[in-house]
Amino acid sequence: MILSLIPLAVSLLQKPEDQGVVERLIETIDEAPEESQARVKKAILDMEDGNGSLENVFAALPGHKLQGA
């Protein structure tokens, strides 16, 4: 479920040259602990409802960054 929300959320703020960001975000979330995945899911849902931001999504990630960053 969470993976289906990521492309939508990121595509709203994505530039064409940022295509790799979505893949890295999905990989980061896949490898994150369940607790972190739940926080990211909530942040993405909040963003879709207009009550959140991409900054909140990154704040919910382990280390507050994408893997490999």
PDB file of N, CA and C in Angstrom:
ATOM      1  N   MET A   1       0.819  -1.198   0.000  1.00  0.00           N
ATOM      2  CA  MET A   1       0.000   0.000   0.000  1.00  0.00           C
ATOM      3  C   MET A   1       0.858   1.255   0.000  1.00  0.00           C
ATOM      4  N   ILE A   2       1.819   1.319   0.896  1.00  0.00           N
ATOM      5  CA  ILE A   2       2.642   2.521   0.983  1.00  0.00           C
ATOM      6  C   ILE A   2       3.396   2.774  -0.312  1.00  0.00           C
ATOM      7  N   LEU A   3       3.846   1.714  -0.953  1.00  0.00           N
ATOM      8  CA  LEU A   3       4.603   1.891  -2.187  1.00  0.00           C
ATOM      9  C   LEU A   3       3.743   2.499  -3.287  1.00  0.00           C
ATOM     10  N   SER A   4       2.467   2.242  -3.264  1.00  0.00           N
ATOM     11  CA  SER A   4       1.595   2.800  -4.291  1.00  0.00           C
ATOM     12  C   SER A   4       1.400   4.304  -4.111  1.00  0.00           C
ATOM     13  N   LEU A   5       1.611   4.824  -2.925  1.00  0.00           N
ATOM     14  CA  LEU A   5       1.437   6.247  -2.656  1.00  0.00           C
ATOM     15  C   LEU A   5       2.670   7.071  -3.005  1.00  0.00           C
ATOM     16  N   ILE A   6       3.830   6.460  -2.964  1.00  0.00           N
ATOM     17  CA  ILE A   6       5.081   7.195  -3.146  1.00  0.00           C
ATOM     18  C   ILE A   6       5.173   7.865  -4.513  1.00  0.00           C
ATOM     19  N   PRO A   7       4.973   7.140  -5.607  1.00  0.00           N
ATOM     20  CA  PRO A   7       5.107   7.817  -6.898  1.00  0.00           C
ATOM     21  C   PRO A   7       4.157   9.000  -7.060  1.00  0.00           C
ATOM     22  N   LEU A   8       2.947   8.870  -6.566  1.00  0.00           N
ATOM     23  CA  LEU A   8       1.998   9.973  -6.646  1.00  0.00           C
ATOM     24  C   LEU A   8       2.499  11.182  -5.864  1.00  0.00           C
ATOM     25  N   ALA A   9       2.905  10.959  -4.639  1.00  0.00           N
ATOM     26  CA  ALA A   9       3.357  12.054  -3.789  1.00  0.00           C
ATOM     27  C   ALA A   9       4.585  12.742  -4.365  1.00  0.00           C
ATOM     28  N   VAL A  10       5.540  11.971  -4.809  1.00  0.00           N
ATOM     29  CA  VAL A  10       6.786  12.546  -5.306  1.00  0.00           C
ATOM     30  C   VAL A  10       6.581  13.191  -6.672  1.00  0.00           C
ATOM     31  N   SER A  11       5.727  12.615  -7.507  1.00  0.00           N
ATOM     32  CA  SER A  11       5.523  13.166  -8.841  1.00  0.00           C
ATOM     33  C   SER A  11       4.948  14.573  -8.799  1.00  0.00           C
ATOM     34  N   LEU A  12       4.244  14.901  -7.733  1.00  0.00           N
ATOM     35  CA  LEU A  12       3.692  16.246  -7.612  1.00  0.00           C
ATOM     36  C   LEU A  12       4.789  17.303  -7.514  1.00  0.00           C
ATOM     37  N   LEU A  13       5.922  16.926  -6.975  1.00  0.00           N
ATOM     38  CA  LEU A  13       7.013  17.873  -6.758  1.00  0.00           C
ATOM     39  C   LEU A  13       8.248  17.580  -7.606  1.00  0.00           C
ATOM     40  N   GLN A  14       8.155  16.604  -8.467  1.00  0.00           N
ATOM     41  CA  GLN A  14       9.312  16.101  -9.199  1.00  0.00           C
ATOM     42  C   GLN A  14       9.554  16.857 -10.501  1.00  0.00           C
ATOM     43  N   LYS A  15      10.814  17.106 -10.780  1.00  0.00           N
ATOM     44  CA  LYS A  15      11.252  17.650 -12.062  1.00  0.00           C
ATOM     45  C   LYS A  15      11.684  16.459 -12.920  1.00  0.00           C
ATOM     46  N   PRO A  16      11.653  16.579 -14.237  1.00  0.00           N
ATOM     47  CA  PRO A  16      12.032  15.451 -15.096  1.00  0.00           C
ATOM     48  C   PRO A  16      13.423  14.895 -14.804  1.00  0.00           C
ATOM     49  N   GLU A  17      14.364  15.735 -14.420  1.00  0.00           N
ATOM     50  CA  GLU A  17      15.721  15.247 -14.166  1.00  0.00           C
ATOM     51  C   GLU A  17      15.847  14.511 -12.828  1.00  0.00           C
ATOM     52  N   ASP A  18      14.788  14.491 -12.040  1.00  0.00           N
ATOM     53  CA  ASP A  18      14.812  13.843 -10.730  1.00  0.00           C
ATOM     54  C   ASP A  18      14.225  12.430 -10.760  1.00  0.00           C
ATOM     55  N   GLN A  19      14.157  11.795 -11.900  1.00  0.00           N
ATOM     56  CA  GLN A  19      13.523  10.492 -12.040  1.00  0.00           C
ATOM     57  C   GLN A  19      14.077   9.459 -11.053  1.00  0.00           C
ATOM     58  N   GLY A  20      15.371   9.479 -10.766  1.00  0.00           N
ATOM     59  CA  GLY A  20      15.968   8.507  -9.875  1.00  0.00           C
ATOM     60  C   GLY A  20      15.557   8.666  -8.427  1.00  0.00           C
ATOM     61  N   VAL A  21      15.015   9.796  -8.069  1.00  0.00           N
ATOM     62  CA  VAL A  21      14.631  10.056  -6.685  1.00  0.00           C
ATOM     63  C   VAL A  21      13.516   9.106  -6.249  1.00  0.00           C
ATOM     64  N   VAL A  22      12.541   8.892  -7.116  1.00  0.00           N
ATOM     65  CA  VAL A  22      11.421   8.014  -6.772  1.00  0.00           C
ATOM     66  C   VAL A  22      11.935   6.609  -6.473  1.00  0.00           C
ATOM     67  N   GLU A  23      12.802   6.098  -7.333  1.00  0.00           N
ATOM     68  CA  GLU A  23      13.338   4.758  -7.123  1.00  0.00           C
ATOM     69  C   GLU A  23      14.130   4.673  -5.820  1.00  0.00           C
ATOM     70  N   ARG A  24      14.925   5.694  -5.533  1.00  0.00           N
ATOM     71  CA  ARG A  24      15.711   5.693  -4.291  1.00  0.00           C
ATOM     72  C   ARG A  24      14.807   5.808  -3.073  1.00  0.00           C
ATOM     73  N   LEU A  25      13.738   6.578  -3.181  1.00  0.00           N
ATOM     74  CA  LEU A  25      12.804   6.702  -2.076  1.00  0.00           C
ATOM     75  C   LEU A  25      12.119   5.366  -1.797  1.00  0.00           C
ATOM     76  N   ILE A  26      11.678   4.704  -2.843  1.00  0.00           N
ATOM     77  CA  ILE A  26      11.034   3.392  -2.680  1.00  0.00           C
ATOM     78  C   ILE A  26      12.000   2.403  -2.048  1.00  0.00           C
ATOM     79  N   GLU A  27      13.235   2.381  -2.512  1.00  0.00           N
ATOM     80  CA  GLU A  27      14.247   1.468  -1.952  1.00  0.00           C
ATOM     81  C   GLU A  27      14.504   1.776  -0.475  1.00  0.00           C
ATOM     82  N   THR A  28      14.595   3.052  -0.141  1.00  0.00           N
ATOM     83  CA  THR A  28      14.830   3.460   1.248  1.00  0.00           C
ATOM     84  C   THR A  28      13.690   2.995   2.136  1.00  0.00           C
ATOM     85  N   ILE A  29      12.461   3.179   1.676  1.00  0.00           N
ATOM     86  CA  ILE A  29      11.305   2.780   2.473  1.00  0.00           C
ATOM     87  C   ILE A  29      11.222   1.268   2.591  1.00  0.00           C
ATOM     88  N   ASP A  30      11.491   0.553   1.507  1.00  0.00           N
ATOM     89  CA  ASP A  30      11.459  -0.914   1.537  1.00  0.00           C
ATOM     90  C   ASP A  30      12.409  -1.474   2.587  1.00  0.00           C
ATOM     91  N   GLU A  31      13.560  -0.845   2.744  1.00  0.00           N
ATOM     92  CA  GLU A  31      14.587  -1.358   3.645  1.00  0.00           C
ATOM     93  C   GLU A  31      14.492  -0.759   5.053  1.00  0.00           C
ATOM     94  N   ALA A  32      13.558   0.136   5.260  1.00  0.00           N
ATOM     95  CA  ALA A  32      13.395   0.774   6.565  1.00  0.00           C
ATOM     96  C   ALA A  32      12.632  -0.152   7.519  1.00  0.00           C
ATOM     97  N   PRO A  33      12.835   0.027   8.817  1.00  0.00           N
ATOM     98  CA  PRO A  33      12.057  -0.732   9.801  1.00  0.00           C
ATOM     99  C   PRO A  33      10.566  -0.391   9.672  1.00  0.00           C
ATOM    100  N   GLU A  34       9.719  -1.297  10.128  1.00  0.00           N
ATOM    101  CA  GLU A  34       8.266  -1.105  10.016  1.00  0.00           C
ATOM    102  C   GLU A  34       7.816   0.208  10.658  1.00  0.00           C
ATOM    103  N   GLU A  35       8.398   0.564  11.770  1.00  0.00           N
ATOM    104  CA  GLU A  35       8.027   1.804  12.458  1.00  0.00           C
ATOM    105  C   GLU A  35       8.281   3.019  11.561  1.00  0.00           C
ATOM    106  N   SER A  36       9.413   3.025  10.879  1.00  0.00           N
ATOM    107  CA  SER A  36       9.727   4.125   9.966  1.00  0.00           C
ATOM    108  C   SER A  36       8.784   4.118   8.770  1.00  0.00           C
ATOM    109  N   GLN A  37       8.474   2.934   8.270  1.00  0.00           N
ATOM    110  CA  GLN A  37       7.548   2.833   7.140  1.00  0.00           C
ATOM    111  C   GLN A  37       6.189   3.418   7.510  1.00  0.00           C
ATOM    112  N   ALA A  38       5.733   3.181   8.719  1.00  0.00           N
ATOM    113  CA  ALA A  38       4.447   3.719   9.169  1.00  0.00           C
ATOM    114  C   ALA A  38       4.493   5.242   9.236  1.00  0.00           C
ATOM    115  N   ARG A  39       5.609   5.807   9.718  1.00  0.00           N
ATOM    116  CA  ARG A  39       5.740   7.271   9.783  1.00  0.00           C
ATOM    117  C   ARG A  39       5.757   7.884   8.382  1.00  0.00           C
ATOM    118  N   VAL A  40       6.458   7.214   7.454  1.00  0.00           N
ATOM    119  CA  VAL A  40       6.518   7.706   6.080  1.00  0.00           C
ATOM    120  C   VAL A  40       5.136   7.636   5.438  1.00  0.00           C
ATOM    121  N   LYS A  41       4.430   6.545   5.668  1.00  0.00           N
ATOM    122  CA  LYS A  41       3.084   6.394   5.114  1.00  0.00           C
ATOM    123  C   LYS A  41       2.186   7.536   5.589  1.00  0.00           C
ATOM    124  N   LYS A  42       2.233   7.841   6.889  1.00  0.00           N
ATOM    125  CA  LYS A  42       1.422   8.929   7.429  1.00  0.00           C
ATOM    126  C   LYS A  42       1.824  10.260   6.801  1.00  0.00           C
ATOM    127  N   ALA A  43       3.109  10.498   6.641  1.00  0.00           N
ATOM    128  CA  ALA A  43       3.584  11.751   6.049  1.00  0.00           C
ATOM    129  C   ALA A  43       3.122  11.887   4.600  1.00  0.00           C
ATOM    130  N   ILE A  44       3.120  10.784   3.859  1.00  0.00           N
ATOM    131  CA  ILE A  44       2.662  10.815   2.466  1.00  0.00           C
ATOM    132  C   ILE A  44       1.161  11.058   2.408  1.00  0.00           C
ATOM    133  N   LEU A  45       0.404  10.397   3.258  1.00  0.00           N
ATOM    134  CA  LEU A  45      -1.043  10.606   3.288  1.00  0.00           C
ATOM    135  C   LEU A  45      -1.378  12.045   3.668  1.00  0.00           C
ATOM    136  N   ASP A  46      -0.646  12.593   4.632  1.00  0.00           N
ATOM    137  CA  ASP A  46      -0.851  13.995   5.018  1.00  0.00           C
ATOM    138  C   ASP A  46      -0.566  14.925   3.837  1.00  0.00           C
ATOM    139  N   MET A  47       0.494  14.626   3.087  1.00  0.00           N
ATOM    140  CA  MET A  47       0.853  15.451   1.945  1.00  0.00           C
ATOM    141  C   MET A  47      -0.240  15.390   0.879  1.00  0.00           C
ATOM    142  N   GLU A  48      -0.769  14.213   0.640  1.00  0.00           N
ATOM    143  CA  GLU A  48      -1.842  14.067  -0.348  1.00  0.00           C
ATOM    144  C   GLU A  48      -3.088  14.833   0.071  1.00  0.00           C
ATOM    145  N   ASP A  49      -3.323  14.936   1.380  1.00  0.00           N
ATOM    146  CA  ASP A  49      -4.484  15.669   1.896  1.00  0.00           C
ATOM    147  C   ASP A  49      -4.237  17.174   1.962  1.00  0.00           C
ATOM    148  N   GLY A  50      -3.038  17.594   1.588  1.00  0.00           N
ATOM    149  CA  GLY A  50      -2.711  19.008   1.628  1.00  0.00           C
ATOM    150  C   GLY A  50      -2.249  19.492   2.981  1.00  0.00           C
ATOM    151  N   ASN A  51      -1.987  18.562   3.900  1.00  0.00           N
ATOM    152  CA  ASN A  51      -1.590  18.927   5.261  1.00  0.00           C
ATOM    153  C   ASN A  51      -0.136  18.604   5.564  1.00  0.00           C
ATOM    154  N   GLY A  52       0.627  18.209   4.575  1.00  0.00           N
ATOM    155  CA  GLY A  52       2.002  17.825   4.814  1.00  0.00           C
ATOM    156  C   GLY A  52       2.898  18.366   3.727  1.00  0.00           C
ATOM    157  N   SER A  53       4.135  17.894   3.742  1.00  0.00           N
ATOM    158  CA  SER A  53       5.101  18.336   2.738  1.00  0.00           C
ATOM    159  C   SER A  53       6.104  17.223   2.481  1.00  0.00           C
ATOM    160  N   LEU A  54       6.843  17.373   1.400  1.00  0.00           N
ATOM    161  CA  LEU A  54       7.897  16.414   1.103  1.00  0.00           C
ATOM    162  C   LEU A  54       8.955  16.451   2.203  1.00  0.00           C
ATOM    163  N   GLU A  55       9.126  17.610   2.801  1.00  0.00           N
ATOM    164  CA  GLU A  55      10.065  17.747   3.922  1.00  0.00           C
ATOM    165  C   GLU A  55       9.661  16.820   5.077  1.00  0.00           C
ATOM    166  N   ASN A  56       8.372  16.711   5.334  1.00  0.00           N
ATOM    167  CA  ASN A  56       7.886  15.815   6.384  1.00  0.00           C
ATOM    168  C   ASN A  56       8.141  14.355   6.029  1.00  0.00           C
ATOM    169  N   VAL A  57       8.039  14.015   4.753  1.00  0.00           N
ATOM    170  CA  VAL A  57       8.320  12.646   4.312  1.00  0.00           C
ATOM    171  C   VAL A  57       9.776  12.314   4.606  1.00  0.00           C
ATOM    172  N   PHE A  58      10.679  13.219   4.233  1.00  0.00           N
ATOM    173  CA  PHE A  58      12.099  12.970   4.492  1.00  0.00           C
ATOM    174  C   PHE A  58      12.402  12.944   5.984  1.00  0.00           C
ATOM    175  N   ALA A  59      11.710  13.735   6.766  1.00  0.00           N
ATOM    176  CA  ALA A  59      11.912  13.728   8.215  1.00  0.00           C
ATOM    177  C   ALA A  59      11.521  12.388   8.820  1.00  0.00           C
ATOM    178  N   ALA A  60      10.595  11.669   8.170  1.00  0.00           N
ATOM    179  CA  ALA A  60      10.143  10.378   8.662  1.00  0.00           C
ATOM    180  C   ALA A  60      11.076   9.239   8.258  1.00  0.00           C
ATOM    181  N   LEU A  61      11.968   9.477   7.317  1.00  0.00           N
ATOM    182  CA  LEU A  61      12.902   8.434   6.852  1.00  0.00           C
ATOM    183  C   LEU A  61      14.005   8.201   7.887  1.00  0.00           C
ATOM    184  N   PRO A  62      14.528   6.984   7.938  1.00  0.00           N
ATOM    185  CA  PRO A  62      15.674   6.731   8.815  1.00  0.00           C
ATOM    186  C   PRO A  62      16.847   7.626   8.404  1.00  0.00           C
ATOM    187  N   GLY A  63      17.401   8.339   9.339  1.00  0.00           N
ATOM    188  CA  GLY A  63      18.511   9.262   9.039  1.00  0.00           C
ATOM    189  C   GLY A  63      18.063  10.495   8.302  1.00  0.00           C
ATOM    190  N   HIS A  64      16.763  10.631   8.064  1.00  0.00           N
ATOM    191  CA  HIS A  64      16.185  11.790   7.389  1.00  0.00           C
ATOM    192  C   HIS A  64      16.749  12.018   5.989  1.00  0.00           C
ATOM    193  N   LYS A  65      17.112  10.917   5.318  1.00  0.00           N
ATOM    194  CA  LYS A  65      17.668  11.034   3.964  1.00  0.00           C
ATOM    195  C   LYS A  65      17.449   9.747   3.194  1.00  0.00           C
ATOM    196  N   LEU A  66      17.640   9.812   1.888  1.00  0.00           N
ATOM    197  CA  LEU A  66      17.559   8.645   1.025  1.00  0.00           C
ATOM    198  C   LEU A  66      18.800   7.798   1.196  1.00  0.00           C
ATOM    199  N   GLN A  67      18.654   6.505   0.943  1.00  0.00           N
ATOM    200  CA  GLN A  67      19.827   5.652   0.978  1.00  0.00           C
ATOM    201  C   GLN A  67      20.809   6.108  -0.092  1.00  0.00           C
ATOM    202  N   GLY A  68      22.062   6.083   0.238  1.00  0.00           N
ATOM    203  CA  GLY A  68      23.085   6.458  -0.703  1.00  0.00           C
ATOM    204  C   GLY A  68      23.303   7.960  -0.805  1.00  0.00           C
ATOM    205  N   ALA A  69      22.581   8.718  -0.012  1.00  0.00           N
ATOM    206  CA  ALA A  69      22.744  10.187  -0.073  1.00  0.00           C
ATOM    207  C   ALA A  69      23.867  10.625   0.832  1.00  0.00           C
TER     208      ALA A  69
END
